[in-house]
Every structure is written in C-alpha cells, then in structure tokens.
Amino acid sequence: QVQLVESGGGLVQPGGSLRLSCVASGSSGSINYMAWYRQAPGKERELVARIFSGGVTNYADAVRGRFTISRDNAKNTVYLQMNSLKPEDTAVYYCKVVSYGTAYWGQGTQVTVSS
C-alpha cells in the first residue's frame, strides 16, 4: 500500500506563496498519476492539479498560471507551488496518488490565505 505524507500548509497573506509537498512510500508499483485536490468548508472537493508519469500536467481553471505541480521521482515526492495566493484558495489540500487503479490519499494540509 502507498502511504502519503503531506506538509507545507500554513497561513499566508494574499499575494503570497506556499509550496506543498507530498511524499509517497510503500509498495506503490506503477504510479499512474499524482494530484492535488482541495476542499473548503461548505464546498465540494475539487481537483487542483494533476501530473502523470510522463510529465503531462493539467490544472483547474481557477489556479492555472498561479500554481505549478511538479514531482521528484528520486524522492517519490510531488509538489504544489502556489503563487499569488487569494483568499479563495483557502482550503484543506489533499494529495492523491493512483497506482494500479487504486487511489491513495494524504491526510490533508490546511492552507489559509488571509490578511
């Protein structure tokens, strides 16, 4: 089973930046893709960004141009660089890894954008 450990959340002012990290370990085998989701109170969970094994990425319209997803294969880590943060970005961010058709989720990390 894949184990995911997230870090990097916190409180930041509007316009600021944060970088989230998610470390995957365990008998993951083939990883199809890694992704970041977020969920704010009273709102549905939404896909933020996704990166496939070949390096192809996609982003939600709300974050495109501000967020960048990347991965370090040697460290089995996926990152989410978040720039120009807005209050609307406030949410719990979850890492997701899909391996052999099975989804694994991180514990979530809180991101709060407020002055």
C-alpha atoms as a PDB file:
ATOM      1  CA  GLN A   1       0.000   0.000   0.000  1.00  0.00           C
ATOM      2  CA  VAL A   2       1.051   3.549  -0.702  1.00  0.00           C
ATOM      3  CA  GLN A   3       1.488   5.904   2.225  1.00  0.00           C
ATOM      4  CA  LEU A   4       1.283   9.638   1.648  1.00  0.00           C
ATOM      5  CA  VAL A   5       2.594  12.323   3.982  1.00  0.00           C
ATOM      6  CA  GLU A   6       1.770  15.939   3.231  1.00  0.00           C
ATOM      7  CA  SER A   7       3.408  19.091   4.512  1.00  0.00           C
ATOM      8  CA  GLY A   8       3.813  22.765   3.712  1.00  0.00           C
ATOM      9  CA  GLY A   9       0.442  24.239   4.563  1.00  0.00           C
ATOM     10  CA  GLY A  10       0.000  27.289   6.713  1.00  0.00           C
ATOM     11  CA  LEU A  11      -1.176  30.868   6.910  1.00  0.00           C
ATOM     12  CA  VAL A  12      -0.142  33.296   4.205  1.00  0.00           C
ATOM     13  CA  GLN A  13      -1.206  36.781   3.159  1.00  0.00           C
ATOM     14  CA  PRO A  14      -2.952  37.406  -0.147  1.00  0.00           C
ATOM     15  CA  GLY A  15      -0.376  37.531  -2.911  1.00  0.00           C
ATOM     16  CA  GLY A  16       1.976  35.287  -1.003  1.00  0.00           C
ATOM     17  CA  SER A  17       3.308  31.855  -1.830  1.00  0.00           C
ATOM     18  CA  LEU A  18       3.422  28.385  -0.342  1.00  0.00           C
ATOM     19  CA  ARG A  19       4.822  25.089  -1.508  1.00  0.00           C
ATOM     20  CA  LEU A  20       3.088  21.874  -0.557  1.00  0.00           C
ATOM     21  CA  SER A  21       4.911  18.558  -0.531  1.00  0.00           C
ATOM     22  CA  CYS A  22       3.598  15.022  -0.604  1.00  0.00           C
ATOM     23  CA  VAL A  23       5.928  12.078  -0.082  1.00  0.00           C
ATOM     24  CA  ALA A  24       4.784   8.684  -1.317  1.00  0.00           C
ATOM     25  CA  SER A  25       6.200   5.480   0.108  1.00  0.00           C
ATOM     26  CA  GLY A  26       5.356   1.807   0.211  1.00  0.00           C
ATOM     27  CA  SER A  27       4.737  -0.836  -2.409  1.00  0.00           C
ATOM     28  CA  SER A  28       3.318   1.605  -4.892  1.00  0.00           C
ATOM     29  CA  GLY A  29       4.484  -0.162  -8.021  1.00  0.00           C
ATOM     30  CA  SER A  30       3.435   1.748 -11.090  1.00  0.00           C
ATOM     31  CA  ILE A  31       2.109   5.229 -10.334  1.00  0.00           C
ATOM     32  CA  ASN A  32      -0.290   6.438 -12.978  1.00  0.00           C
ATOM     33  CA  TYR A  33      -0.550   9.981 -11.717  1.00  0.00           C
ATOM     34  CA  MET A  34      -0.256  12.204  -8.693  1.00  0.00           C
ATOM     35  CA  ALA A  35      -2.631  15.028  -7.967  1.00  0.00           C
ATOM     36  CA  TRP A  36      -3.661  17.748  -5.570  1.00  0.00           C
ATOM     37  CA  TYR A  37      -7.251  18.318  -4.525  1.00  0.00           C
ATOM     38  CA  ARG A  38      -8.726  20.868  -2.182  1.00  0.00           C
ATOM     39  CA  GLN A  39     -11.896  21.273  -0.201  1.00  0.00           C
ATOM     40  CA  ALA A  40     -13.132  24.396   1.523  1.00  0.00           C
ATOM     41  CA  PRO A  41     -15.839  24.359   4.213  1.00  0.00           C
ATOM     42  CA  GLY A  42     -19.243  24.147   2.600  1.00  0.00           C
ATOM     43  CA  LYS A  43     -17.806  23.458  -0.828  1.00  0.00           C
ATOM     44  CA  GLU A  44     -17.215  20.355  -2.888  1.00  0.00           C
ATOM     45  CA  ARG A  45     -13.816  18.784  -3.239  1.00  0.00           C
ATOM     46  CA  GLU A  46     -12.160  19.876  -6.450  1.00  0.00           C
ATOM     47  CA  LEU A  47      -9.188  18.814  -8.494  1.00  0.00           C
ATOM     48  CA  VAL A  48      -6.466  21.445  -8.371  1.00  0.00           C
ATOM     49  CA  ALA A  49      -3.669  19.941 -10.438  1.00  0.00           C
ATOM     50  CA  ARG A  50      -2.504  16.597 -11.754  1.00  0.00           C
ATOM     51  CA  ILE A  51       0.741  15.245 -13.119  1.00  0.00           C
ATOM     52  CA  PHE A  52       1.064  11.976 -14.998  1.00  0.00           C
ATOM     53  CA  SER A  53       4.028   9.643 -15.012  1.00  0.00           C
ATOM     54  CA  GLY A  54       5.183  11.018 -18.334  1.00  0.00           C
ATOM     55  CA  GLY A  55       5.171  14.567 -17.018  1.00  0.00           C
ATOM     56  CA  VAL A  56       1.951  15.804 -18.580  1.00  0.00           C
ATOM     57  CA  THR A  57       0.081  18.175 -16.292  1.00  0.00           C
ATOM     58  CA  ASN A  58      -3.321  19.764 -16.066  1.00  0.00           C
ATOM     59  CA  TYR A  59      -4.810  22.431 -13.836  1.00  0.00           C
ATOM     60  CA  ALA A  60      -8.122  23.719 -12.665  1.00  0.00           C
ATOM     61  CA  ASP A  61      -9.067  26.962 -14.361  1.00  0.00           C
ATOM     62  CA  ALA A  62      -9.062  28.762 -11.026  1.00  0.00           C
ATOM     63  CA  VAL A  63      -5.368  28.085 -10.420  1.00  0.00           C
ATOM     64  CA  ARG A  64      -3.874  27.917 -13.882  1.00  0.00           C
ATOM     65  CA  GLY A  65      -0.994  30.339 -14.195  1.00  0.00           C
ATOM     66  CA  ARG A  66      -0.582  30.646 -10.435  1.00  0.00           C
ATOM     67  CA  PHE A  67       0.030  27.069  -9.294  1.00  0.00           C
ATOM     68  CA  THR A  68       2.614  24.625 -10.579  1.00  0.00           C
ATOM     69  CA  ILE A  69       2.639  20.894  -9.925  1.00  0.00           C
ATOM     70  CA  SER A  70       5.905  19.013 -10.185  1.00  0.00           C
ATOM     71  CA  ARG A  71       7.495  15.821  -8.978  1.00  0.00           C
ATOM     72  CA  ASP A  72      10.859  14.483  -7.928  1.00  0.00           C
ATOM     73  CA  ASN A  73      10.918  10.837  -8.907  1.00  0.00           C
ATOM     74  CA  ALA A  74      14.078  10.125  -6.923  1.00  0.00           C
ATOM     75  CA  LYS A  75      12.333  11.276  -3.755  1.00  0.00           C
ATOM     76  CA  ASN A  76       8.875   9.945  -4.679  1.00  0.00           C
ATOM     77  CA  THR A  77       7.558  13.401  -3.952  1.00  0.00           C
ATOM     78  CA  VAL A  78       5.009  15.623  -5.621  1.00  0.00           C
ATOM     79  CA  TYR A  79       4.930  19.363  -5.035  1.00  0.00           C
ATOM     80  CA  LEU A  80       2.426  22.115  -5.487  1.00  0.00           C
ATOM     81  CA  GLN A  81       3.955  25.557  -5.791  1.00  0.00           C
ATOM     82  CA  MET A  82       1.253  28.118  -5.092  1.00  0.00           C
ATOM     83  CA  ASN A  83       1.908  31.725  -6.028  1.00  0.00           C
ATOM     84  CA  SER A  84      -0.257  34.841  -5.996  1.00  0.00           C
ATOM     85  CA  LEU A  85      -2.492  33.236  -3.429  1.00  0.00           C
ATOM     86  CA  LYS A  86      -6.020  34.519  -2.993  1.00  0.00           C
ATOM     87  CA  PRO A  87      -8.464  34.162  -0.101  1.00  0.00           C
ATOM     88  CA  GLU A  88     -10.486  31.873  -2.365  1.00  0.00           C
ATOM     89  CA  ASP A  89      -7.590  29.405  -2.249  1.00  0.00           C
ATOM     90  CA  THR A  90      -8.229  28.778   1.437  1.00  0.00           C
ATOM     91  CA  ALA A  91      -8.958  25.080   1.840  1.00  0.00           C
ATOM     92  CA  VAL A  92      -7.626  21.773   3.023  1.00  0.00           C
ATOM     93  CA  TYR A  93      -5.346  20.430   0.331  1.00  0.00           C
ATOM     94  CA  TYR A  94      -5.092  16.696  -0.236  1.00  0.00           C
ATOM     95  CA  CYS A  95      -2.510  14.722  -2.128  1.00  0.00           C
ATOM     96  CA  LYS A  96      -3.716  11.804  -4.225  1.00  0.00           C
ATOM     97  CA  VAL A  97      -1.753   9.019  -5.868  1.00  0.00           C
ATOM     98  CA  VAL A  98      -3.212   6.445  -8.234  1.00  0.00           C
ATOM     99  CA  SER A  99      -1.316   3.201  -8.582  1.00  0.00           C
ATOM    100  CA  TYR A 100      -2.632   0.125 -10.379  1.00  0.00           C
ATOM    101  CA  GLY A 101      -6.062   1.678 -10.418  1.00  0.00           C
ATOM    102  CA  THR A 102      -6.153   2.249  -6.662  1.00  0.00           C
ATOM    103  CA  ALA A 103      -6.333   5.740  -5.204  1.00  0.00           C
ATOM    104  CA  TYR A 104      -4.417   6.717  -2.090  1.00  0.00           C
ATOM    105  CA  TRP A 105      -4.954   9.946  -0.175  1.00  0.00           C
ATOM    106  CA  GLY A 106      -2.824  12.041   2.095  1.00  0.00           C
ATOM    107  CA  GLN A 107      -4.027  13.339   5.438  1.00  0.00           C
ATOM    108  CA  GLY A 108      -4.603  16.857   4.168  1.00  0.00           C
ATOM    109  CA  THR A 109      -2.876  20.118   4.978  1.00  0.00           C
ATOM    110  CA  GLN A 110      -4.607  23.409   5.742  1.00  0.00           C
ATOM    111  CA  VAL A 111      -3.889  26.434   3.589  1.00  0.00           C
ATOM    112  CA  THR A 112      -5.290  29.722   4.827  1.00  0.00           C
ATOM    113  CA  VAL A 113      -4.941  32.917   2.808  1.00  0.00           C
ATOM    114  CA  SER A 114      -5.839  35.930   4.892  1.00  0.00           C
ATOM    115  CA  SER A 115      -4.536  39.343   5.849  1.00  0.00           C
END
